């Protein structure tokens, strides 16, 4: 069976773990209104990757690494854009 892949935004980075926010659109069954649903996923960061907050990354489902972590970051899809204050 193929492993699931998702694209999400990096919200928080700690040593070997990142919190990724994955957004998807959902449609209400009765009123047919579309609304956004987001989910935070903990993902393992391989040693060769460096992530920054705001990066869009591709993650893949993996065997459980810890109690809440069962995803691995594959690559950075889009680097974060720096904003001027």
C-alpha atoms as a PDB file:
ATOM      1  CA  UNK A   1       0.000   0.000   0.000  1.00  0.00           C
ATOM      2  CA  UNK A   2       1.317   3.427  -0.913  1.00  0.00           C
ATOM      3  CA  UNK A   3       2.238   5.838   1.843  1.00  0.00           C
ATOM      4  CA  UNK A   4       0.247   9.046   2.157  1.00  0.00           C
ATOM      5  CA  UNK A   5       1.929  12.326   1.226  1.00  0.00           C
ATOM      6  CA  UNK A   6       0.840  15.810   2.228  1.00  0.00           C
ATOM      7  CA  UNK A   7       2.083  19.367   1.813  1.00  0.00           C
ATOM      8  CA  UNK A   8       1.971  21.711   4.783  1.00  0.00           C
ATOM      9  CA  UNK A   9       3.476  24.780   6.417  1.00  0.00           C
ATOM     10  CA  UNK A  10       6.125  24.591   9.160  1.00  0.00           C
ATOM     11  CA  UNK A  11       4.720  26.143  12.351  1.00  0.00           C
ATOM     12  CA  UNK A  12       7.379  25.161  14.910  1.00  0.00           C
ATOM     13  CA  UNK A  13      10.841  23.581  14.751  1.00  0.00           C
ATOM     14  CA  UNK A  14      12.586  21.730  17.595  1.00  0.00           C
ATOM     15  CA  UNK A  15      15.772  19.669  17.107  1.00  0.00           C
ATOM     16  CA  UNK A  16      14.635  16.489  15.259  1.00  0.00           C
ATOM     17  CA  UNK A  17      10.913  17.348  15.118  1.00  0.00           C
ATOM     18  CA  UNK A  18       8.771  19.889  13.289  1.00  0.00           C
ATOM     19  CA  UNK A  19       5.107  20.773  13.685  1.00  0.00           C
ATOM     20  CA  UNK A  20       3.468  20.984  10.254  1.00  0.00           C
ATOM     21  CA  UNK A  21       0.040  22.569   9.674  1.00  0.00           C
ATOM     22  CA  UNK A  22      -1.837  20.790   6.887  1.00  0.00           C
ATOM     23  CA  UNK A  23      -4.889  22.620   5.537  1.00  0.00           C
ATOM     24  CA  UNK A  24      -7.708  21.097   3.511  1.00  0.00           C
ATOM     25  CA  UNK A  25     -11.053  22.327   2.274  1.00  0.00           C
ATOM     26  CA  UNK A  26     -14.218  20.689   3.565  1.00  0.00           C
ATOM     27  CA  UNK A  27     -17.775  21.184   2.356  1.00  0.00           C
ATOM     28  CA  UNK A  28     -20.754  21.246   4.723  1.00  0.00           C
ATOM     29  CA  UNK A  29     -23.150  18.428   3.771  1.00  0.00           C
ATOM     30  CA  UNK A  30     -26.360  20.407   4.284  1.00  0.00           C
ATOM     31  CA  UNK A  31     -25.474  24.022   3.509  1.00  0.00           C
ATOM     32  CA  UNK A  32     -22.842  23.258   0.844  1.00  0.00           C
ATOM     33  CA  UNK A  33     -20.504  25.950   2.183  1.00  0.00           C
ATOM     34  CA  UNK A  34     -16.763  25.336   1.842  1.00  0.00           C
ATOM     35  CA  UNK A  35     -14.601  25.927   4.885  1.00  0.00           C
ATOM     36  CA  UNK A  36     -10.990  25.279   5.792  1.00  0.00           C
ATOM     37  CA  UNK A  37      -9.959  22.577   8.248  1.00  0.00           C
ATOM     38  CA  UNK A  38      -6.382  22.447   9.545  1.00  0.00           C
ATOM     39  CA  UNK A  39      -4.478  19.763  11.400  1.00  0.00           C
ATOM     40  CA  UNK A  40      -1.106  19.888  13.147  1.00  0.00           C
ATOM     41  CA  UNK A  41       1.151  16.929  12.376  1.00  0.00           C
ATOM     42  CA  UNK A  42       4.453  16.155  14.092  1.00  0.00           C
ATOM     43  CA  UNK A  43       7.107  15.085  11.573  1.00  0.00           C
ATOM     44  CA  UNK A  44      10.696  13.888  11.861  1.00  0.00           C
ATOM     45  CA  UNK A  45      13.381  16.068  10.263  1.00  0.00           C
ATOM     46  CA  UNK A  46      16.245  14.099   8.642  1.00  0.00           C
ATOM     47  CA  UNK A  47      19.779  15.279   9.478  1.00  0.00           C
ATOM     48  CA  UNK A  48      20.454  16.622   5.958  1.00  0.00           C
ATOM     49  CA  UNK A  49      17.477  19.029   5.973  1.00  0.00           C
ATOM     50  CA  UNK A  50      17.230  22.425   7.638  1.00  0.00           C
ATOM     51  CA  UNK A  51      13.795  23.952   8.102  1.00  0.00           C
ATOM     52  CA  UNK A  52      12.624  27.447   8.929  1.00  0.00           C
ATOM     53  CA  UNK A  53       9.247  28.566  10.209  1.00  0.00           C
ATOM     54  CA  UNK A  54       7.010  29.375   7.250  1.00  0.00           C
ATOM     55  CA  UNK A  55       8.534  26.850   4.826  1.00  0.00           C
ATOM     56  CA  UNK A  56       6.149  24.667   2.849  1.00  0.00           C
ATOM     57  CA  UNK A  57       7.301  21.049   3.059  1.00  0.00           C
ATOM     58  CA  UNK A  58       6.259  17.687   1.692  1.00  0.00           C
ATOM     59  CA  UNK A  59       5.763  15.010   4.353  1.00  0.00           C
ATOM     60  CA  UNK A  60       5.223  11.265   4.034  1.00  0.00           C
ATOM     61  CA  UNK A  61       3.612   8.758   6.350  1.00  0.00           C
ATOM     62  CA  UNK A  62       6.086   6.427   8.059  1.00  0.00           C
ATOM     63  CA  UNK A  63       6.225   3.828  10.816  1.00  0.00           C
ATOM     64  CA  UNK A  64       5.672   5.299  14.294  1.00  0.00           C
ATOM     65  CA  UNK A  65       8.816   7.036  15.533  1.00  0.00           C
ATOM     66  CA  UNK A  66       7.366   8.074  18.893  1.00  0.00           C
ATOM     67  CA  UNK A  67       3.963   8.339  20.570  1.00  0.00           C
ATOM     68  CA  UNK A  68       2.704  11.205  18.351  1.00  0.00           C
ATOM     69  CA  UNK A  69       5.229  11.226  15.497  1.00  0.00           C
ATOM     70  CA  UNK A  70       4.642   9.000  12.455  1.00  0.00           C
ATOM     71  CA  UNK A  71       5.540  11.307   9.536  1.00  0.00           C
ATOM     72  CA  UNK A  72       8.883  12.237   7.909  1.00  0.00           C
ATOM     73  CA  UNK A  73       9.783  15.448   6.061  1.00  0.00           C
ATOM     74  CA  UNK A  74      10.862  14.575   2.511  1.00  0.00           C
ATOM     75  CA  UNK A  75      11.785  17.941   1.040  1.00  0.00           C
ATOM     76  CA  UNK A  76      11.192  21.666   1.201  1.00  0.00           C
ATOM     77  CA  UNK A  77       8.590  22.458  -1.463  1.00  0.00           C
ATOM     78  CA  UNK A  78       8.825  26.244  -1.077  1.00  0.00           C
ATOM     79  CA  UNK A  79      11.127  28.271   1.170  1.00  0.00           C
ATOM     80  CA  UNK A  80       9.625  30.897   3.468  1.00  0.00           C
ATOM     81  CA  UNK A  81       9.445  34.410   2.124  1.00  0.00           C
ATOM     82  CA  UNK A  82      11.049  36.968   4.404  1.00  0.00           C
ATOM     83  CA  UNK A  83       8.724  39.785   5.354  1.00  0.00           C
ATOM     84  CA  UNK A  84       9.882  43.283   6.156  1.00  0.00           C
ATOM     85  CA  UNK A  85       8.692  44.847   9.391  1.00  0.00           C
END
